[in-house]
Each structure stands twice: as C-alpha cells, then as structure tokens.
C-alpha cells in the first residue's frame, strides 16, 4: 500500500511565506495563516514543499489504508490560493452562498485574492470545518 506523499517536514513556514514574491499574495496568505491558527490553536507546519498545514488527524478507510494528514491548510499557488477544507463543502452550503468569488475541488477552495471573499465567512468556514474534522476523526 502506497504511503501518503504529502507529509509534515521541518522546512520553515516563515521562510516559505516570506519567499512569496507577490506582496499582495504574501499579505493574503499571512491573514489566512492567522485564521487557521485561530481555528485550530496549532502552529503551522510545512506539508511537502508547498503546503502549510495546521493540526493533524488520523484516518482509516474501509480498504485498510490509514494515515495522518493536516486538519486544514493552504497553498499559495501561482494562479490562486488553495485553501484546504478537508471535510469538503457539502455541509457548508449556506456559508458558500455568502463567501464571494471562488472555485472548488473536492476539498480545495480556490481564491484568487482574499478581497474576492468575505473574510468573516471564510473564518467561519475554516472554524466549522475544523470542528467537523475533530468530531469525525482522532486529532492531534
């Protein structure tokens, strides 16, 4: 069974964030980082070379595969900021209607810039997703 390739490492989160060339993107990421720290009460850790994650949960699938992953996190990609809402979006329809301009994947919220969304709604979405993850899985 293959191991999860995205794992926590000792790379500096501060250096990673400060290395973002676009000053607007860097400022947005710092605000998102503060939101996630508030929601989890955890310090950031790098997960792989380009993801900043907060907290950790343990999953076990019916197939027998199990592992650990971040409870929430983000990645400041060139085209958009990926915000990881690990339980997905099915439980958050009301919040998603109020959020603003975004796209989604299975557990990824893609925003071009923080000003495209309502920051209070984003904070609530992150808070609620963290609570749901802690209710559903063993967490650290």
N, C-alpha and C. Protein backbone atom coordinates (compact mmCIF):
# COMPACT_ATOMS: atom_id res chain seq x y z
N UNK A 1 0.84 -1.18 0.00
CA UNK A 1 0.00 0.00 0.00
C UNK A 1 0.89 1.24 0.00
N UNK A 2 0.60 2.17 -0.88
CA UNK A 2 1.42 3.37 -1.02
C UNK A 2 1.24 4.31 0.17
N UNK A 3 2.35 4.92 0.58
CA UNK A 3 2.30 5.91 1.65
C UNK A 3 1.85 7.26 1.07
N UNK A 4 1.29 8.07 1.94
CA UNK A 4 0.92 9.42 1.55
C UNK A 4 2.20 10.20 1.26
N UNK A 5 2.27 10.84 0.09
CA UNK A 5 3.47 11.58 -0.30
C UNK A 5 3.56 12.93 0.39
N UNK A 6 2.43 13.47 0.80
CA UNK A 6 2.42 14.78 1.46
C UNK A 6 2.51 14.57 2.96
N UNK A 7 3.68 14.87 3.48
CA UNK A 7 3.95 14.65 4.91
C UNK A 7 4.53 15.91 5.53
N UNK A 8 4.38 16.04 6.84
CA UNK A 8 4.99 17.20 7.50
C UNK A 8 6.51 17.11 7.45
N UNK A 9 7.15 18.26 7.40
CA UNK A 9 8.61 18.29 7.38
C UNK A 9 9.10 19.48 8.19
N UNK A 10 10.38 19.67 8.24
CA UNK A 10 10.98 20.72 9.07
C UNK A 10 11.28 22.02 8.31
N UNK A 11 10.81 22.11 7.08
CA UNK A 11 11.01 23.35 6.32
C UNK A 11 10.36 24.51 7.09
N UNK A 12 10.96 25.66 7.05
CA UNK A 12 10.46 26.83 7.78
C UNK A 12 9.23 27.42 7.10
N UNK A 13 8.13 27.49 7.83
CA UNK A 13 6.91 28.11 7.32
C UNK A 13 7.15 29.60 7.10
N UNK A 14 7.82 30.24 8.03
CA UNK A 14 8.10 31.68 7.91
C UNK A 14 8.92 31.97 6.65
N UNK A 15 9.95 31.20 6.41
CA UNK A 15 10.77 31.39 5.21
C UNK A 15 9.94 31.14 3.95
N UNK A 16 9.10 30.11 3.99
CA UNK A 16 8.26 29.79 2.85
C UNK A 16 7.33 30.97 2.52
N UNK A 17 6.64 31.47 3.54
CA UNK A 17 5.71 32.58 3.32
C UNK A 17 6.45 33.85 2.91
N UNK A 18 7.55 34.15 3.57
CA UNK A 18 8.32 35.34 3.22
C UNK A 18 8.96 35.23 1.84
N UNK A 19 9.06 34.04 1.31
CA UNK A 19 9.60 33.83 -0.02
C UNK A 19 8.61 34.03 -1.15
N UNK A 20 7.36 34.33 -0.82
CA UNK A 20 6.35 34.59 -1.84
C UNK A 20 6.66 35.96 -2.46
N UNK A 21 6.93 35.99 -3.76
CA UNK A 21 7.34 37.23 -4.43
C UNK A 21 6.26 38.29 -4.46
N UNK A 22 5.04 37.90 -4.73
CA UNK A 22 3.92 38.85 -4.85
C UNK A 22 3.53 39.35 -3.46
N UNK A 23 3.72 40.63 -3.21
CA UNK A 23 3.46 41.18 -1.87
C UNK A 23 1.98 41.07 -1.48
N UNK A 24 1.08 41.23 -2.45
CA UNK A 24 -0.35 41.08 -2.17
C UNK A 24 -0.69 39.66 -1.79
N UNK A 25 -0.14 38.70 -2.51
CA UNK A 25 -0.38 37.28 -2.22
C UNK A 25 0.20 36.93 -0.84
N UNK A 26 1.39 37.46 -0.55
CA UNK A 26 2.03 37.21 0.75
C UNK A 26 1.15 37.75 1.89
N UNK A 27 0.62 38.95 1.74
CA UNK A 27 -0.25 39.55 2.76
C UNK A 27 -1.53 38.72 2.94
N UNK A 28 -2.11 38.26 1.83
CA UNK A 28 -3.31 37.41 1.90
C UNK A 28 -3.02 36.12 2.65
N UNK A 29 -1.91 35.50 2.33
CA UNK A 29 -1.51 34.24 2.95
C UNK A 29 -1.29 34.42 4.46
N UNK A 30 -0.70 35.53 4.85
CA UNK A 30 -0.49 35.78 6.29
C UNK A 30 -1.82 35.89 7.02
N UNK A 31 -2.82 36.51 6.39
CA UNK A 31 -4.15 36.60 7.01
C UNK A 31 -4.80 35.23 7.11
N UNK A 32 -4.68 34.44 6.05
CA UNK A 32 -5.25 33.09 6.07
C UNK A 32 -4.55 32.24 7.12
N UNK A 33 -3.25 32.39 7.24
CA UNK A 33 -2.49 31.66 8.26
C UNK A 33 -3.02 32.00 9.65
N UNK A 34 -3.29 33.27 9.91
CA UNK A 34 -3.82 33.69 11.21
C UNK A 34 -5.21 33.09 11.45
N UNK A 35 -6.02 33.02 10.40
CA UNK A 35 -7.35 32.41 10.53
C UNK A 35 -7.25 30.94 10.93
N UNK A 36 -6.33 30.24 10.32
CA UNK A 36 -6.17 28.81 10.58
C UNK A 36 -5.58 28.56 11.96
N UNK A 37 -4.67 29.40 12.36
CA UNK A 37 -4.09 29.25 13.70
C UNK A 37 -5.18 29.48 14.74
N UNK A 38 -6.03 30.48 14.51
CA UNK A 38 -7.15 30.77 15.42
C UNK A 38 -8.11 29.58 15.47
N UNK A 39 -8.42 29.01 14.34
CA UNK A 39 -9.38 27.90 14.27
C UNK A 39 -8.86 26.63 14.92
N UNK A 40 -7.56 26.36 14.79
CA UNK A 40 -7.01 25.10 15.28
C UNK A 40 -6.30 25.21 16.62
N UNK A 41 -5.79 26.40 16.93
CA UNK A 41 -4.96 26.56 18.12
C UNK A 41 -3.60 25.90 17.94
N UNK A 42 -3.24 25.59 16.71
CA UNK A 42 -1.98 24.89 16.40
C UNK A 42 -1.06 25.80 15.59
N UNK A 43 0.24 25.56 15.73
CA UNK A 43 1.22 26.25 14.91
C UNK A 43 1.27 25.60 13.53
N UNK A 44 1.67 26.38 12.56
CA UNK A 44 1.79 25.90 11.18
C UNK A 44 2.98 24.97 11.03
N UNK A 45 2.83 24.02 10.12
CA UNK A 45 3.94 23.15 9.70
C UNK A 45 3.87 23.00 8.19
N UNK A 46 5.00 22.84 7.59
CA UNK A 46 5.03 22.57 6.15
C UNK A 46 4.67 21.12 5.92
N UNK A 47 3.84 20.89 4.93
CA UNK A 47 3.46 19.55 4.47
C UNK A 47 3.91 19.48 3.03
N UNK A 48 4.98 18.73 2.79
CA UNK A 48 5.56 18.72 1.46
C UNK A 48 6.23 20.07 1.21
N UNK A 49 6.60 20.34 -0.03
CA UNK A 49 7.35 21.56 -0.32
C UNK A 49 6.51 22.83 -0.44
N UNK A 50 5.17 22.72 -0.55
CA UNK A 50 4.39 23.91 -0.83
C UNK A 50 3.07 24.06 -0.12
N UNK A 51 2.83 23.27 0.92
CA UNK A 51 1.56 23.34 1.65
C UNK A 51 1.85 23.66 3.11
N UNK A 52 1.11 24.64 3.63
CA UNK A 52 1.19 24.99 5.05
C UNK A 52 -0.03 24.37 5.71
N UNK A 53 0.20 23.52 6.71
CA UNK A 53 -0.90 22.82 7.36
C UNK A 53 -0.97 23.08 8.85
N UNK A 54 -2.15 22.87 9.39
CA UNK A 54 -2.43 23.10 10.82
C UNK A 54 -3.12 21.88 11.39
N UNK A 55 -2.62 21.44 12.54
CA UNK A 55 -3.21 20.28 13.20
C UNK A 55 -2.98 19.02 12.41
N UNK A 56 -3.53 17.94 12.91
CA UNK A 56 -3.33 16.65 12.26
C UNK A 56 -4.47 15.72 12.67
N UNK A 57 -4.93 14.91 11.74
CA UNK A 57 -5.95 13.91 12.07
C UNK A 57 -5.52 12.56 11.51
N UNK A 58 -6.07 11.52 12.10
CA UNK A 58 -5.76 10.16 11.67
C UNK A 58 -6.99 9.59 10.97
N UNK A 59 -6.80 9.11 9.75
CA UNK A 59 -7.90 8.50 9.00
C UNK A 59 -7.64 7.01 8.79
N UNK A 60 -8.73 6.28 8.64
CA UNK A 60 -8.66 4.85 8.33
C UNK A 60 -9.82 4.54 7.40
N UNK A 61 -9.52 4.08 6.21
CA UNK A 61 -10.55 3.74 5.23
C UNK A 61 -10.96 2.28 5.37
N UNK A 62 -12.11 1.95 4.81
CA UNK A 62 -12.61 0.58 4.83
C UNK A 62 -11.64 -0.37 4.13
N UNK A 63 -10.88 0.15 3.18
CA UNK A 63 -9.90 -0.65 2.44
C UNK A 63 -8.72 -1.09 3.31
N UNK A 64 -8.60 -0.45 4.49
CA UNK A 64 -7.48 -0.74 5.37
C UNK A 64 -6.40 0.33 5.31
N UNK A 65 -6.44 1.16 4.29
CA UNK A 65 -5.46 2.25 4.20
C UNK A 65 -5.72 3.24 5.33
N UNK A 66 -4.62 3.68 5.96
CA UNK A 66 -4.74 4.67 7.01
C UNK A 66 -3.52 5.57 6.99
N UNK A 67 -3.66 6.71 7.65
CA UNK A 67 -2.56 7.65 7.69
C UNK A 67 -2.93 8.90 8.47
N UNK A 68 -2.08 9.88 8.39
CA UNK A 68 -2.27 11.15 9.07
C UNK A 68 -2.20 12.27 8.04
N UNK A 69 -2.99 13.32 8.27
CA UNK A 69 -2.99 14.46 7.38
C UNK A 69 -3.37 15.70 8.16
N UNK A 70 -3.15 16.86 7.57
CA UNK A 70 -3.48 18.11 8.24
C UNK A 70 -5.00 18.28 8.36
N UNK A 71 -5.43 18.98 9.40
CA UNK A 71 -6.85 19.26 9.58
C UNK A 71 -7.30 20.36 8.61
N UNK A 72 -6.47 21.34 8.40
CA UNK A 72 -6.71 22.40 7.43
C UNK A 72 -5.37 22.96 6.99
N UNK A 73 -5.37 23.70 5.92
CA UNK A 73 -4.12 24.27 5.43
C UNK A 73 -4.35 25.09 4.18
N UNK A 74 -3.26 25.54 3.60
CA UNK A 74 -3.34 26.33 2.37
C UNK A 74 -2.06 26.18 1.58
N UNK A 75 -2.17 26.54 0.31
CA UNK A 75 -1.01 26.57 -0.56
C UNK A 75 -1.12 27.79 -1.47
N UNK A 76 -0.13 28.67 -1.41
CA UNK A 76 -0.16 29.89 -2.23
C UNK A 76 0.35 29.61 -3.65
N UNK A 77 -0.48 28.98 -4.43
CA UNK A 77 -0.08 28.65 -5.80
C UNK A 77 -0.06 29.92 -6.66
N UNK A 78 0.57 29.82 -7.81
CA UNK A 78 0.73 30.99 -8.67
C UNK A 78 -0.62 31.53 -9.15
N UNK A 79 -1.51 30.64 -9.57
CA UNK A 79 -2.78 31.08 -10.14
C UNK A 79 -3.81 31.46 -9.08
N UNK A 80 -3.83 30.74 -7.96
CA UNK A 80 -4.79 31.04 -6.90
C UNK A 80 -4.25 30.47 -5.58
N UNK A 81 -4.90 30.88 -4.50
CA UNK A 81 -4.57 30.33 -3.19
C UNK A 81 -5.50 29.15 -2.96
N UNK A 82 -4.93 27.99 -2.68
CA UNK A 82 -5.73 26.80 -2.37
C UNK A 82 -5.90 26.74 -0.86
N UNK A 83 -7.14 26.74 -0.42
CA UNK A 83 -7.46 26.62 1.00
C UNK A 83 -8.06 25.23 1.18
N UNK A 84 -7.47 24.43 2.06
CA UNK A 84 -7.90 23.04 2.23
C UNK A 84 -8.97 22.95 3.31
N UNK A 85 -10.18 22.64 2.87
CA UNK A 85 -11.34 22.42 3.73
C UNK A 85 -11.57 20.91 3.68
N UNK A 86 -10.93 20.19 4.57
CA UNK A 86 -10.80 18.74 4.47
C UNK A 86 -12.12 17.96 4.44
N UNK A 87 -13.18 18.40 5.13
CA UNK A 87 -14.41 17.62 5.01
C UNK A 87 -15.18 17.87 3.71
N UNK A 88 -14.66 18.75 2.85
CA UNK A 88 -15.39 19.09 1.63
C UNK A 88 -16.40 20.19 1.93
N UNK A 89 -17.33 20.39 1.02
CA UNK A 89 -18.21 21.55 1.11
C UNK A 89 -19.69 21.21 1.29
N UNK A 90 -20.03 19.93 1.28
CA UNK A 90 -21.44 19.52 1.35
C UNK A 90 -22.15 20.05 2.59
N UNK A 91 -21.47 20.14 3.70
CA UNK A 91 -22.08 20.60 4.95
C UNK A 91 -22.12 22.11 5.09
N UNK A 92 -21.58 22.83 4.12
CA UNK A 92 -21.40 24.27 4.28
C UNK A 92 -22.10 25.10 3.20
N UNK A 93 -23.20 24.60 2.67
CA UNK A 93 -23.91 25.28 1.58
C UNK A 93 -24.27 26.72 1.89
N UNK A 94 -24.78 26.98 3.09
CA UNK A 94 -25.16 28.34 3.47
C UNK A 94 -23.99 29.28 3.49
N UNK A 95 -22.86 28.83 4.01
CA UNK A 95 -21.66 29.66 4.04
C UNK A 95 -21.12 29.91 2.63
N UNK A 96 -21.17 28.89 1.80
CA UNK A 96 -20.62 29.01 0.46
C UNK A 96 -21.39 30.06 -0.35
N UNK A 97 -22.69 30.16 -0.11
CA UNK A 97 -23.50 31.16 -0.82
C UNK A 97 -23.10 32.58 -0.45
N UNK A 98 -22.58 32.76 0.75
CA UNK A 98 -22.21 34.09 1.25
C UNK A 98 -20.74 34.42 1.04
N UNK A 99 -19.95 33.44 0.63
CA UNK A 99 -18.49 33.59 0.63
C UNK A 99 -17.97 34.63 -0.36
N UNK A 100 -18.47 34.61 -1.58
CA UNK A 100 -17.94 35.52 -2.59
C UNK A 100 -17.49 34.78 -3.82
N UNK A 101 -16.41 35.23 -4.43
CA UNK A 101 -15.89 34.67 -5.69
C UNK A 101 -14.85 33.60 -5.39
N UNK A 102 -15.13 32.37 -5.86
CA UNK A 102 -14.23 31.24 -5.59
C UNK A 102 -14.55 30.11 -6.57
N UNK A 103 -13.72 29.09 -6.56
CA UNK A 103 -13.95 27.82 -7.23
C UNK A 103 -13.64 26.74 -6.20
N UNK A 104 -14.16 25.54 -6.43
CA UNK A 104 -13.86 24.45 -5.51
C UNK A 104 -13.45 23.19 -6.27
N UNK A 105 -12.70 22.36 -5.55
CA UNK A 105 -12.42 20.99 -5.93
C UNK A 105 -13.04 20.15 -4.82
N UNK A 106 -12.63 18.91 -4.69
CA UNK A 106 -13.22 18.04 -3.66
C UNK A 106 -13.06 18.63 -2.26
N UNK A 107 -11.87 19.01 -1.88
CA UNK A 107 -11.61 19.61 -0.56
C UNK A 107 -10.83 20.91 -0.68
N UNK A 108 -10.75 21.46 -1.88
CA UNK A 108 -9.97 22.67 -2.11
C UNK A 108 -10.88 23.84 -2.47
N UNK A 109 -10.64 24.92 -1.79
CA UNK A 109 -11.29 26.19 -2.10
C UNK A 109 -10.23 27.04 -2.79
N UNK A 110 -10.50 27.46 -4.01
CA UNK A 110 -9.55 28.26 -4.77
C UNK A 110 -10.01 29.71 -4.79
N UNK A 111 -9.18 30.60 -4.27
CA UNK A 111 -9.49 32.03 -4.33
C UNK A 111 -8.30 32.75 -4.96
N UNK A 112 -8.62 33.73 -5.79
CA UNK A 112 -7.55 34.49 -6.45
C UNK A 112 -6.88 35.44 -5.47
N UNK A 113 -7.70 36.14 -4.69
CA UNK A 113 -7.18 37.05 -3.65
C UNK A 113 -8.21 37.12 -2.55
N UNK A 114 -7.75 37.43 -1.39
CA UNK A 114 -8.61 37.46 -0.20
C UNK A 114 -9.73 38.48 -0.35
N UNK A 115 -9.50 39.55 -1.07
CA UNK A 115 -10.54 40.58 -1.25
C UNK A 115 -11.72 40.07 -2.08
N UNK A 116 -11.58 38.91 -2.74
CA UNK A 116 -12.67 38.32 -3.51
C UNK A 116 -13.71 37.64 -2.62
N UNK A 117 -13.36 37.41 -1.36
CA UNK A 117 -14.28 36.70 -0.46
C UNK A 117 -14.52 37.51 0.80
N UNK A 118 -15.59 37.16 1.50
CA UNK A 118 -15.90 37.77 2.78
C UNK A 118 -15.03 37.08 3.84
N UNK A 119 -14.11 37.82 4.44
CA UNK A 119 -13.16 37.22 5.39
C UNK A 119 -13.85 36.61 6.61
N UNK A 120 -14.94 37.21 7.07
CA UNK A 120 -15.66 36.65 8.23
C UNK A 120 -16.29 35.32 7.86
N UNK A 121 -16.81 35.22 6.65
CA UNK A 121 -17.41 33.96 6.20
C UNK A 121 -16.31 32.90 6.03
N UNK A 122 -15.17 33.30 5.48
CA UNK A 122 -14.06 32.36 5.34
C UNK A 122 -13.60 31.86 6.70
N UNK A 123 -13.49 32.75 7.69
CA UNK A 123 -13.10 32.33 9.04
C UNK A 123 -14.10 31.33 9.59
N UNK A 124 -15.39 31.58 9.40
CA UNK A 124 -16.44 30.67 9.88
C UNK A 124 -16.34 29.32 9.17
N UNK A 125 -16.08 29.34 7.88
CA UNK A 125 -15.92 28.11 7.11
C UNK A 125 -14.74 27.29 7.65
N UNK A 126 -13.63 27.94 7.89
CA UNK A 126 -12.46 27.25 8.43
C UNK A 126 -12.77 26.72 9.84
N UNK A 127 -13.36 27.57 10.68
CA UNK A 127 -13.71 27.15 12.05
C UNK A 127 -14.61 25.92 12.04
N UNK A 128 -15.67 25.99 11.24
CA UNK A 128 -16.65 24.90 11.20
C UNK A 128 -16.06 23.62 10.62
N UNK A 129 -15.18 23.76 9.63
CA UNK A 129 -14.56 22.56 9.05
C UNK A 129 -13.62 21.89 10.05
N UNK A 130 -12.91 22.70 10.83
CA UNK A 130 -12.01 22.15 11.86
C UNK A 130 -12.84 21.42 12.91
N UNK A 131 -13.94 22.01 13.35
CA UNK A 131 -14.81 21.36 14.34
C UNK A 131 -15.34 20.03 13.81
N UNK A 132 -15.75 20.01 12.55
CA UNK A 132 -16.25 18.79 11.95
C UNK A 132 -15.17 17.71 11.87
N UNK A 133 -13.97 18.09 11.52
CA UNK A 133 -12.87 17.12 11.46
C UNK A 133 -12.57 16.56 12.84
N UNK A 134 -12.58 17.41 13.85
CA UNK A 134 -12.29 16.95 15.22
C UNK A 134 -13.39 16.05 15.75
N UNK A 135 -14.60 16.24 15.28
CA UNK A 135 -15.71 15.40 15.69
C UNK A 135 -15.64 14.02 15.02
N UNK A 136 -15.18 14.02 13.79
CA UNK A 136 -15.18 12.80 12.97
C UNK A 136 -13.95 11.92 13.13
N UNK A 137 -12.79 12.54 13.43
CA UNK A 137 -11.53 11.80 13.45
C UNK A 137 -10.74 12.05 14.74
N UNK A 138 -9.87 11.11 15.11
CA UNK A 138 -8.91 11.39 16.17
C UNK A 138 -7.93 12.46 15.68
N UNK A 139 -7.70 13.48 16.47
CA UNK A 139 -6.83 14.59 16.05
C UNK A 139 -5.72 14.85 17.06
N UNK A 140 -4.72 15.55 16.56
CA UNK A 140 -3.58 15.99 17.40
C UNK A 140 -3.54 17.49 17.35
